[in-house]
Amino acid sequence: MTKPPSEVAELIHDAMENLNEQKAITRFQMSLKGIGVLAQRDFVDQSFLMMLSSELIVRGWCMFQISHTSYSLIRHESASKFRKLSSEYLLSCINGGNPD
């Protein structure tokens, strides 16, 4: 029987918590096939992936696509420490100006 996104998110969260006890893990990759195995689905559609991503967010993980068949997951606390860039800064860089 197929598993809903909430259950798959919980499986991923629990696995990462268990692994984290051995060594701190802040990011990892999963294949679309691996997600399908956890969900017990032959086909994983975009709707399922969007719901899974939402379920992972509330469990402290961000998920994003990095190739046609691969996804990266990063702990929200790690992602929230990324450098922030404003649109004004980016436009200045695009237009050849010195942003600083």
PDB file of N, CA and C in Angstrom:
ATOM      1  N   MET A   1       0.843  -1.184   0.000  1.00  0.00           N
ATOM      2  CA  MET A   1       0.000   0.000   0.000  1.00  0.00           C
ATOM      3  C   MET A   1       0.888   1.247   0.000  1.00  0.00           C
ATOM      4  N   THR A   2       0.537   2.215  -0.822  1.00  0.00           N
ATOM      5  CA  THR A   2       1.354   3.429  -0.921  1.00  0.00           C
ATOM      6  C   THR A   2       1.263   4.254   0.357  1.00  0.00           C
ATOM      7  N   LYS A   3       2.333   5.003   0.601  1.00  0.00           N
ATOM      8  CA  LYS A   3       2.392   5.848   1.791  1.00  0.00           C
ATOM      9  C   LYS A   3       2.142   7.299   1.390  1.00  0.00           C
ATOM     10  N   PRO A   4       1.433   8.047   2.220  1.00  0.00           N
ATOM     11  CA  PRO A   4       1.201   9.462   1.926  1.00  0.00           C
ATOM     12  C   PRO A   4       2.474  10.281   2.183  1.00  0.00           C
ATOM     13  N   PRO A   5       2.540  11.487   1.632  1.00  0.00           N
ATOM     14  CA  PRO A   5       3.723  12.327   1.826  1.00  0.00           C
ATOM     15  C   PRO A   5       4.084  12.553   3.298  1.00  0.00           C
ATOM     16  N   SER A   6       3.087  12.692   4.153  1.00  0.00           N
ATOM     17  CA  SER A   6       3.365  12.924   5.575  1.00  0.00           C
ATOM     18  C   SER A   6       4.123  11.754   6.194  1.00  0.00           C
ATOM     19  N   GLU A   7       3.759  10.551   5.806  1.00  0.00           N
ATOM     20  CA  GLU A   7       4.428   9.360   6.343  1.00  0.00           C
ATOM     21  C   GLU A   7       5.852   9.228   5.797  1.00  0.00           C
ATOM     22  N   VAL A   8       6.036   9.544   4.527  1.00  0.00           N
ATOM     23  CA  VAL A   8       7.376   9.493   3.931  1.00  0.00           C
ATOM     24  C   VAL A   8       8.270  10.551   4.578  1.00  0.00           C
ATOM     25  N   ALA A   9       7.721  11.738   4.810  1.00  0.00           N
ATOM     26  CA  ALA A   9       8.489  12.799   5.473  1.00  0.00           C
ATOM     27  C   ALA A   9       8.906  12.361   6.872  1.00  0.00           C
ATOM     28  N   GLU A  10       8.013  11.701   7.570  1.00  0.00           N
ATOM     29  CA  GLU A  10       8.330  11.218   8.916  1.00  0.00           C
ATOM     30  C   GLU A  10       9.418  10.148   8.868  1.00  0.00           C
ATOM     31  N   LEU A  11       9.358   9.263   7.884  1.00  0.00           N
ATOM     32  CA  LEU A  11      10.403   8.240   7.721  1.00  0.00           C
ATOM     33  C   LEU A  11      11.767   8.889   7.485  1.00  0.00           C
ATOM     34  N   ILE A  12      11.802   9.876   6.590  1.00  0.00           N
ATOM     35  CA  ILE A  12      13.059  10.576   6.295  1.00  0.00           C
ATOM     36  C   ILE A  12      13.565  11.286   7.540  1.00  0.00           C
ATOM     37  N   HIS A  13      12.679  11.990   8.217  1.00  0.00           N
ATOM     38  CA  HIS A  13      13.057  12.711   9.442  1.00  0.00           C
ATOM     39  C   HIS A  13      13.617  11.754  10.488  1.00  0.00           C
ATOM     40  N   ASP A  14      12.925  10.658  10.728  1.00  0.00           N
ATOM     41  CA  ASP A  14      13.373   9.692  11.736  1.00  0.00           C
ATOM     42  C   ASP A  14      14.719   9.078  11.362  1.00  0.00           C
ATOM     43  N   ALA A  15      14.896   8.745  10.091  1.00  0.00           N
ATOM     44  CA  ALA A  15      16.172   8.173   9.639  1.00  0.00           C
ATOM     45  C   ALA A  15      17.311   9.163   9.852  1.00  0.00           C
ATOM     46  N   MET A  16      17.077  10.427   9.540  1.00  0.00           N
ATOM     47  CA  MET A  16      18.128  11.439   9.702  1.00  0.00           C
ATOM     48  C   MET A  16      18.439  11.682  11.174  1.00  0.00           C
ATOM     49  N   GLU A  17      17.433  11.626  12.019  1.00  0.00           N
ATOM     50  CA  GLU A  17      17.679  11.781  13.458  1.00  0.00           C
ATOM     51  C   GLU A  17      18.517  10.617  13.978  1.00  0.00           C
ATOM     52  N   ASN A  18      18.219   9.405  13.523  1.00  0.00           N
ATOM     53  CA  ASN A  18      19.003   8.237  13.933  1.00  0.00           C
ATOM     54  C   ASN A  18      20.441   8.338  13.438  1.00  0.00           C
ATOM     55  N   LEU A  19      20.614   8.719  12.178  1.00  0.00           N
ATOM     56  CA  LEU A  19      21.965   8.880  11.629  1.00  0.00           C
ATOM     57  C   LEU A  19      22.707  10.024  12.303  1.00  0.00           C
ATOM     58  N   ASN A  20      21.982  11.052  12.676  1.00  0.00           N
ATOM     59  CA  ASN A  20      22.580  12.233  13.295  1.00  0.00           C
ATOM     60  C   ASN A  20      23.204  11.901  14.650  1.00  0.00           C
ATOM     61  N   GLU A  21      22.724  10.847  15.287  1.00  0.00           N
ATOM     62  CA  GLU A  21      23.310  10.432  16.567  1.00  0.00           C
ATOM     63  C   GLU A  21      24.732   9.922  16.374  1.00  0.00           C
ATOM     64  N   GLN A  22      25.027   9.368  15.197  1.00  0.00           N
ATOM     65  CA  GLN A  22      26.367   8.861  14.895  1.00  0.00           C
ATOM     66  C   GLN A  22      27.275   9.968  14.374  1.00  0.00           C
ATOM     67  N   LYS A  23      26.752  10.789  13.489  1.00  0.00           N
ATOM     68  CA  LYS A  23      27.517  11.876  12.877  1.00  0.00           C
ATOM     69  C   LYS A  23      26.535  12.940  12.407  1.00  0.00           C
ATOM     70  N   ALA A  24      26.860  14.199  12.673  1.00  0.00           N
ATOM     71  CA  ALA A  24      25.964  15.290  12.292  1.00  0.00           C
ATOM     72  C   ALA A  24      25.751  15.315  10.778  1.00  0.00           C
ATOM     73  N   ILE A  25      24.503  15.261  10.378  1.00  0.00           N
ATOM     74  CA  ILE A  25      24.145  15.316   8.966  1.00  0.00           C
ATOM     75  C   ILE A  25      23.259  16.538   8.763  1.00  0.00           C
ATOM     76  N   THR A  26      23.739  17.456   7.915  1.00  0.00           N
ATOM     77  CA  THR A  26      22.962  18.659   7.633  1.00  0.00           C
ATOM     78  C   THR A  26      22.393  18.666   6.222  1.00  0.00           C
ATOM     79  N   ARG A  27      22.913  17.779   5.367  1.00  0.00           N
ATOM     80  CA  ARG A  27      22.418  17.736   3.989  1.00  0.00           C
ATOM     81  C   ARG A  27      22.693  16.366   3.379  1.00  0.00           C
ATOM     82  N   PHE A  28      21.869  16.006   2.399  1.00  0.00           N
ATOM     83  CA  PHE A  28      22.069  14.748   1.685  1.00  0.00           C
ATOM     84  C   PHE A  28      21.253  14.778   0.404  1.00  0.00           C
ATOM     85  N   GLN A  29      21.508  13.807  -0.464  1.00  0.00           N
ATOM     86  CA  GLN A  29      20.770  13.679  -1.721  1.00  0.00           C
ATOM     87  C   GLN A  29      19.967  12.389  -1.725  1.00  0.00           C
ATOM     88  N   MET A  30      18.854  12.444  -2.425  1.00  0.00           N
ATOM     89  CA  MET A  30      18.021  11.258  -2.639  1.00  0.00           C
ATOM     90  C   MET A  30      17.595  11.225  -4.091  1.00  0.00           C
ATOM     91  N   SER A  31      17.513  10.036  -4.627  1.00  0.00           N
ATOM     92  CA  SER A  31      17.016   9.890  -5.997  1.00  0.00           C
ATOM     93  C   SER A  31      15.493   9.827  -5.976  1.00  0.00           C
ATOM     94  N   LEU A  32      14.915  10.125  -7.109  1.00  0.00           N
ATOM     95  CA  LEU A  32      13.472   9.999  -7.255  1.00  0.00           C
ATOM     96  C   LEU A  32      13.052   8.549  -7.028  1.00  0.00           C
ATOM     97  N   LYS A  33      13.895   7.627  -7.472  1.00  0.00           N
ATOM     98  CA  LYS A  33      13.619   6.206  -7.256  1.00  0.00           C
ATOM     99  C   LYS A  33      13.600   5.888  -5.759  1.00  0.00           C
ATOM    100  N   GLY A  34      14.540   6.444  -5.003  1.00  0.00           N
ATOM    101  CA  GLY A  34      14.585   6.231  -3.557  1.00  0.00           C
ATOM    102  C   GLY A  34      13.346   6.761  -2.861  1.00  0.00           C
ATOM    103  N   ILE A  35      12.884   7.926  -3.304  1.00  0.00           N
ATOM    104  CA  ILE A  35      11.652   8.484  -2.746  1.00  0.00           C
ATOM    105  C   ILE A  35      10.490   7.545  -3.063  1.00  0.00           C
ATOM    106  N   GLY A  36      10.473   7.020  -4.283  1.00  0.00           N
ATOM    107  CA  GLY A  36       9.428   6.072  -4.672  1.00  0.00           C
ATOM    108  C   GLY A  36       9.445   4.808  -3.832  1.00  0.00           C
ATOM    109  N   VAL A  37      10.640   4.322  -3.513  1.00  0.00           N
ATOM    110  CA  VAL A  37      10.760   3.121  -2.676  1.00  0.00           C
ATOM    111  C   VAL A  37      10.185   3.400  -1.288  1.00  0.00           C
ATOM    112  N   LEU A  38      10.561   4.542  -0.690  1.00  0.00           N
ATOM    113  CA  LEU A  38      10.028   4.882   0.635  1.00  0.00           C
ATOM    114  C   LEU A  38       8.508   5.027   0.606  1.00  0.00           C
ATOM    115  N   ALA A  39       7.998   5.597  -0.484  1.00  0.00           N
ATOM    116  CA  ALA A  39       6.560   5.823  -0.608  1.00  0.00           C
ATOM    117  C   ALA A  39       5.817   4.586  -1.110  1.00  0.00           C
ATOM    118  N   GLN A  40       6.575   3.551  -1.477  1.00  0.00           N
ATOM    119  CA  GLN A  40       6.004   2.327  -2.043  1.00  0.00           C
ATOM    120  C   GLN A  40       5.152   2.648  -3.274  1.00  0.00           C
ATOM    121  N   ARG A  41       5.739   3.492  -4.149  1.00  0.00           N
ATOM    122  CA  ARG A  41       5.064   3.917  -5.377  1.00  0.00           C
ATOM    123  C   ARG A  41       5.950   3.631  -6.572  1.00  0.00           C
ATOM    124  N   ASP A  42       5.342   3.173  -7.646  1.00  0.00           N
ATOM    125  CA  ASP A  42       6.071   2.992  -8.902  1.00  0.00           C
ATOM    126  C   ASP A  42       6.291   4.329  -9.596  1.00  0.00           C
ATOM    127  N   PHE A  43       5.369   5.266  -9.379  1.00  0.00           N
ATOM    128  CA  PHE A  43       5.438   6.577 -10.013  1.00  0.00           C
ATOM    129  C   PHE A  43       5.230   7.655  -8.957  1.00  0.00           C
ATOM    130  N   VAL A  44       6.149   8.601  -8.898  1.00  0.00           N
ATOM    131  CA  VAL A  44       6.051   9.723  -7.963  1.00  0.00           C
ATOM    132  C   VAL A  44       5.803  10.976  -8.797  1.00  0.00           C
ATOM    133  N   ASP A  45       4.628  11.569  -8.653  1.00  0.00           N
ATOM    134  CA  ASP A  45       4.294  12.740  -9.465  1.00  0.00           C
ATOM    135  C   ASP A  45       4.659  14.046  -8.753  1.00  0.00           C
ATOM    136  N   GLN A  46       4.545  15.141  -9.494  1.00  0.00           N
ATOM    137  CA  GLN A  46       4.914  16.452  -8.959  1.00  0.00           C
ATOM    138  C   GLN A  46       4.057  16.848  -7.763  1.00  0.00           C
ATOM    139  N   SER A  47       2.806  16.465  -7.782  1.00  0.00           N
ATOM    140  CA  SER A  47       1.915  16.773  -6.666  1.00  0.00           C
ATOM    141  C   SER A  47       2.418  16.109  -5.382  1.00  0.00           C
ATOM    142  N   PHE A  48       2.796  14.847  -5.483  1.00  0.00           N
ATOM    143  CA  PHE A  48       3.332  14.130  -4.324  1.00  0.00           C
ATOM    144  C   PHE A  48       4.597  14.823  -3.825  1.00  0.00           C
ATOM    145  N   LEU A  49       5.485  15.197  -4.749  1.00  0.00           N
ATOM    146  CA  LEU A  49       6.746  15.839  -4.366  1.00  0.00           C
ATOM    147  C   LEU A  49       6.511  17.186  -3.689  1.00  0.00           C
ATOM    148  N   MET A  50       5.533  17.955  -4.173  1.00  0.00           N
ATOM    149  CA  MET A  50       5.222  19.237  -3.537  1.00  0.00           C
ATOM    150  C   MET A  50       4.686  19.026  -2.124  1.00  0.00           C
ATOM    151  N   MET A  51       3.819  18.044  -1.964  1.00  0.00           N
ATOM    152  CA  MET A  51       3.286  17.756  -0.629  1.00  0.00           C
ATOM    153  C   MET A  51       4.386  17.230   0.291  1.00  0.00           C
ATOM    154  N   LEU A  52       5.269  16.393  -0.244  1.00  0.00           N
ATOM    155  CA  LEU A  52       6.392  15.881   0.545  1.00  0.00           C
ATOM    156  C   LEU A  52       7.285  17.030   0.997  1.00  0.00           C
ATOM    157  N   SER A  53       7.566  17.948   0.096  1.00  0.00           N
ATOM    158  CA  SER A  53       8.391  19.103   0.434  1.00  0.00           C
ATOM    159  C   SER A  53       7.758  19.912   1.568  1.00  0.00           C
ATOM    160  N   SER A  54       6.453  20.120   1.503  1.00  0.00           N
ATOM    161  CA  SER A  54       5.740  20.847   2.559  1.00  0.00           C
ATOM    162  C   SER A  54       5.799  20.101   3.886  1.00  0.00           C
ATOM    163  N   GLU A  55       5.646  18.795   3.830  1.00  0.00           N
ATOM    164  CA  GLU A  55       5.710  17.982   5.050  1.00  0.00           C
ATOM    165  C   GLU A  55       7.115  17.997   5.650  1.00  0.00           C
ATOM    166  N   LEU A  56       8.123  18.010   4.799  1.00  0.00           N
ATOM    167  CA  LEU A  56       9.503  18.043   5.289  1.00  0.00           C
ATOM    168  C   LEU A  56       9.825  19.377   5.956  1.00  0.00           C
ATOM    169  N   ILE A  57       9.296  20.467   5.417  1.00  0.00           N
ATOM    170  CA  ILE A  57       9.550  21.802   5.988  1.00  0.00           C
ATOM    171  C   ILE A  57       9.145  21.841   7.459  1.00  0.00           C
ATOM    172  N   VAL A  58       7.971  21.309   7.779  1.00  0.00           N
ATOM    173  CA  VAL A  58       7.507  21.350   9.170  1.00  0.00           C
ATOM    174  C   VAL A  58       8.316  20.417  10.068  1.00  0.00           C
ATOM    175  N   ARG A  59       9.110  19.544   9.453  1.00  0.00           N
ATOM    176  CA  ARG A  59       9.980  18.643  10.210  1.00  0.00           C
ATOM    177  C   ARG A  59      11.437  19.107  10.182  1.00  0.00           C
ATOM    178  N   GLY A  60      11.652  20.329   9.681  1.00  0.00           N
ATOM    179  CA  GLY A  60      12.988  20.915   9.741  1.00  0.00           C
ATOM    180  C   GLY A  60      13.891  20.652   8.554  1.00  0.00           C
ATOM    181  N   TRP A  61      13.330  20.190   7.436  1.00  0.00           N
ATOM    182  CA  TRP A  61      14.128  19.898   6.241  1.00  0.00           C
ATOM    183  C   TRP A  61      13.584  20.635   5.029  1.00  0.00           C
ATOM    184  N   CYS A  62      14.477  21.139   4.182  1.00  0.00           N
ATOM    185  CA  CYS A  62      14.118  21.760   2.902  1.00  0.00           C
ATOM    186  C   CYS A  62      14.529  20.799   1.793  1.00  0.00           C
ATOM    187  N   MET A  63      13.650  20.611   0.827  1.00  0.00           N
ATOM    188  CA  MET A  63      13.943  19.707  -0.286  1.00  0.00           C
ATOM    189  C   MET A  63      13.831  20.476  -1.594  1.00  0.00           C
ATOM    190  N   PHE A  64      14.805  20.269  -2.478  1.00  0.00           N
ATOM    191  CA  PHE A  64      14.748  20.909  -3.788  1.00  0.00           C
ATOM    192  C   PHE A  64      15.358  19.995  -4.838  1.00  0.00           C
ATOM    193  N   GLN A  65      14.897  20.173  -6.060  1.00  0.00           N
ATOM    194  CA  GLN A  65      15.336  19.332  -7.173  1.00  0.00           C
ATOM    195  C   GLN A  65      16.671  19.834  -7.703  1.00  0.00           C
ATOM    196  N   ILE A  66      17.612  18.890  -7.941  1.00  0.00           N
ATOM    197  CA  ILE A  66      18.919  19.274  -8.477  1.00  0.00           C
ATOM    198  C   ILE A  66      19.184  18.669  -9.850  1.00  0.00           C
ATOM    199  N   SER A  67      18.391  17.696 -10.249  1.00  0.00           N
ATOM    200  CA  SER A  67      18.471  17.135 -11.600  1.00  0.00           C
ATOM    201  C   SER A  67      17.123  16.489 -11.901  1.00  0.00           C
ATOM    202  N   HIS A  68      17.017  15.877 -13.052  1.00  0.00           N
ATOM    203  CA  HIS A  68      15.742  15.260 -13.417  1.00  0.00           C
ATOM    204  C   HIS A  68      15.308  14.195 -12.424  1.00  0.00           C
ATOM    205  N   THR A  69      16.278  13.526 -11.818  1.00  0.00           N
ATOM    206  CA  THR A  69      15.938  12.401 -10.937  1.00  0.00           C
ATOM    207  C   THR A  69      16.573  12.489  -9.557  1.00  0.00           C
ATOM    208  N   SER A  70      17.093  13.652  -9.193  1.00  0.00           N
ATOM    209  CA  SER A  70      17.752  13.788  -7.888  1.00  0.00           C
ATOM    210  C   SER A  70      17.232  14.995  -7.118  1.00  0.00           C
ATOM    211  N   TYR A  71      17.173  14.806  -5.809  1.00  0.00           N
ATOM    212  CA  TYR A  71      16.721  15.856  -4.905  1.00  0.00           C
ATOM    213  C   TYR A  71      17.738  16.001  -3.785  1.00  0.00           C
ATOM    214  N   SER A  72      17.937  17.231  -3.356  1.00  0.00           N
ATOM    215  CA  SER A  72      18.791  17.496  -2.205  1.00  0.00           C
ATOM    216  C   SER A  72      17.914  17.920  -1.048  1.00  0.00           C
ATOM    217  N   LEU A  73      18.327  17.524   0.131  1.00  0.00           N
ATOM    218  CA  LEU A  73      17.642  17.930   1.347  1.00  0.00           C
ATOM    219  C   LEU A  73      18.673  18.562   2.263  1.00  0.00           C
ATOM    220  N   ILE A  74      18.291  19.650   2.902  1.00  0.00           N
ATOM    221  CA  ILE A  74      19.178  20.355   3.814  1.00  0.00           C
ATOM    222  C   ILE A  74      18.366  20.757   5.038  1.00  0.00           C
ATOM    223  N   ARG A  75      19.008  20.655   6.188  1.00  0.00           N
ATOM    224  CA  ARG A  75      18.321  21.072   7.414  1.00  0.00           C
ATOM    225  C   ARG A  75      17.974  22.551   7.307  1.00  0.00           C
ATOM    226  N   HIS A  76      16.774  22.880   7.712  1.00  0.00           N
ATOM    227  CA  HIS A  76      16.306  24.263   7.631  1.00  0.00           C
ATOM    228  C   HIS A  76      17.238  25.202   8.386  1.00  0.00           C
ATOM    229  N   GLU A  77      17.720  24.775   9.539  1.00  0.00           N
ATOM    230  CA  GLU A  77      18.601  25.642  10.329  1.00  0.00           C
ATOM    231  C   GLU A  77      19.892  25.957   9.584  1.00  0.00           C
ATOM    232  N   SER A  78      20.381  25.037   8.765  1.00  0.00           N
ATOM    233  CA  SER A  78      21.576  25.294   7.951  1.00  0.00           C
ATOM    234  C   SER A  78      21.251  26.228   6.796  1.00  0.00           C
ATOM    235  N   ALA A  79      20.134  25.986   6.136  1.00  0.00           N
ATOM    236  CA  ALA A  79      19.745  26.818   4.993  1.00  0.00           C
ATOM    237  C   ALA A  79      19.455  28.250   5.420  1.00  0.00           C
ATOM    238  N   SER A  80      18.934  28.423   6.620  1.00  0.00           N
ATOM    239  CA  SER A  80      18.594  29.776   7.076  1.00  0.00           C
ATOM    240  C   SER A  80      19.841  30.618   7.345  1.00  0.00           C
ATOM    241  N   LYS A  81      21.012  29.992   7.375  1.00  0.00           N
ATOM    242  CA  LYS A  81      22.266  30.718   7.597  1.00  0.00           C
ATOM    243  C   LYS A  81      22.932  31.159   6.292  1.00  0.00           C
ATOM    244  N   PHE A  82      22.326  30.816   5.151  1.00  0.00           N
ATOM    245  CA  PHE A  82      22.889  31.226   3.866  1.00  0.00           C
ATOM    246  C   PHE A  82      22.932  32.751   3.783  1.00  0.00           C
ATOM    247  N   ARG A  83      23.881  33.255   3.025  1.00  0.00           N
ATOM    248  CA  ARG A  83      23.973  34.693   2.795  1.00  0.00           C
ATOM    249  C   ARG A  83      22.711  35.161   2.073  1.00  0.00           C
ATOM    250  N   LYS A  84      22.189  36.291   2.509  1.00  0.00           N
ATOM    251  CA  LYS A  84      20.992  36.852   1.893  1.00  0.00           C
ATOM    252  C   LYS A  84      21.398  37.949   0.913  1.00  0.00           C
ATOM    253  N   LEU A  85      20.815  37.924  -0.280  1.00  0.00           N
ATOM    254  CA  LEU A  85      21.082  38.925  -1.306  1.00  0.00           C
ATOM    255  C   LEU A  85      19.765  39.561  -1.730  1.00  0.00           C
ATOM    256  N   SER A  86      19.737  40.877  -1.768  1.00  0.00           N
ATOM    257  CA  SER A  86      18.523  41.577  -2.186  1.00  0.00           C
ATOM    258  C   SER A  86      18.454  41.654  -3.705  1.00  0.00           C
ATOM    259  N   SER A  87      17.270  41.918  -4.206  1.00  0.00           N
ATOM    260  CA  SER A  87      17.110  42.093  -5.655  1.00  0.00           C
ATOM    261  C   SER A  87      17.881  43.320  -6.124  1.00  0.00           C
ATOM    262  N   GLU A  88      17.949  44.355  -5.292  1.00  0.00           N
ATOM    263  CA  GLU A  88      18.709  45.561  -5.657  1.00  0.00           C
ATOM    264  C   GLU A  88      20.187  45.231  -5.832  1.00  0.00           C
ATOM    265  N   TYR A  89      20.715  44.434  -4.936  1.00  0.00           N
ATOM    266  CA  TYR A  89      22.119  44.025  -5.022  1.00  0.00           C
ATOM    267  C   TYR A  89      22.361  43.228  -6.300  1.00  0.00           C
ATOM    268  N   LEU A  90      21.484  42.277  -6.577  1.00  0.00           N
ATOM    269  CA  LEU A  90      21.633  41.453  -7.778  1.00  0.00           C
ATOM    270  C   LEU A  90      21.515  42.286  -9.051  1.00  0.00           C
ATOM    271  N   LEU A  91      20.550  43.203  -9.087  1.00  0.00           N
ATOM    272  CA  LEU A  91      20.400  44.063 -10.264  1.00  0.00           C
ATOM    273  C   LEU A  91      21.631  44.928 -10.472  1.00  0.00           C
ATOM    274  N   SER A  92      22.206  45.397  -9.385  1.00  0.00           N
ATOM    275  CA  SER A  92      23.427  46.194  -9.483  1.00  0.00           C
ATOM    276  C   SER A  92      24.554  45.364 -10.090  1.00  0.00           C
ATOM    277  N   CYS A  93      24.660  44.111  -9.686  1.00  0.00           N
ATOM    278  CA  CYS A  93      25.683  43.213 -10.245  1.00  0.00           C
ATOM    279  C   CYS A  93      25.420  42.942 -11.723  1.00  0.00           C
ATOM    280  N   ILE A  94      24.176  42.744 -12.078  1.00  0.00           N
ATOM    281  CA  ILE A  94      23.802  42.470 -13.466  1.00  0.00           C
ATOM    282  C   ILE A  94      24.123  43.665 -14.357  1.00  0.00           C
ATOM    283  N   ASN A  95      23.858  44.855 -13.839  1.00  0.00           N
ATOM    284  CA  ASN A  95      24.051  46.076 -14.617  1.00  0.00           C
ATOM    285  C   ASN A  95      25.493  46.566 -14.605  1.00  0.00           C
ATOM    286  N   GLY A  96      26.377  45.799 -14.005  1.00  0.00           N
ATOM    287  CA  GLY A  96      27.796  46.125 -14.039  1.00  0.00           C
ATOM    288  C   GLY A  96      28.244  47.139 -13.011  1.00  0.00           C
ATOM    289  N   GLY A  97      27.374  47.497 -12.128  1.00  0.00           N
ATOM    290  CA  GLY A  97      27.754  48.450 -11.091  1.00  0.00           C
ATOM    291  C   GLY A  97      28.495  47.767  -9.961  1.00  0.00           C
ATOM    292  N   ASN A  98      29.081  48.560  -9.108  1.00  0.00           N
ATOM    293  CA  ASN A  98      29.759  48.037  -7.923  1.00  0.00           C
ATOM    294  C   ASN A  98      28.746  48.035  -6.787  1.00  0.00           C
ATOM    295  N   PRO A  99      28.261  46.875  -6.381  1.00  0.00           N
ATOM    296  CA  PRO A  99      27.208  46.809  -5.373  1.00  0.00           C
ATOM    297  C   PRO A  99      27.654  47.258  -3.989  1.00  0.00           C
ATOM    298  N   ASP A 100      28.944  47.211  -3.727  1.00  0.00           N
ATOM    299  CA  ASP A 100      29.412  47.600  -2.391  1.00  0.00           C
ATOM    300  C   ASP A 100      29.872  48.985  -2.434  1.00  0.00           C
TER     301      ASP A 100
END
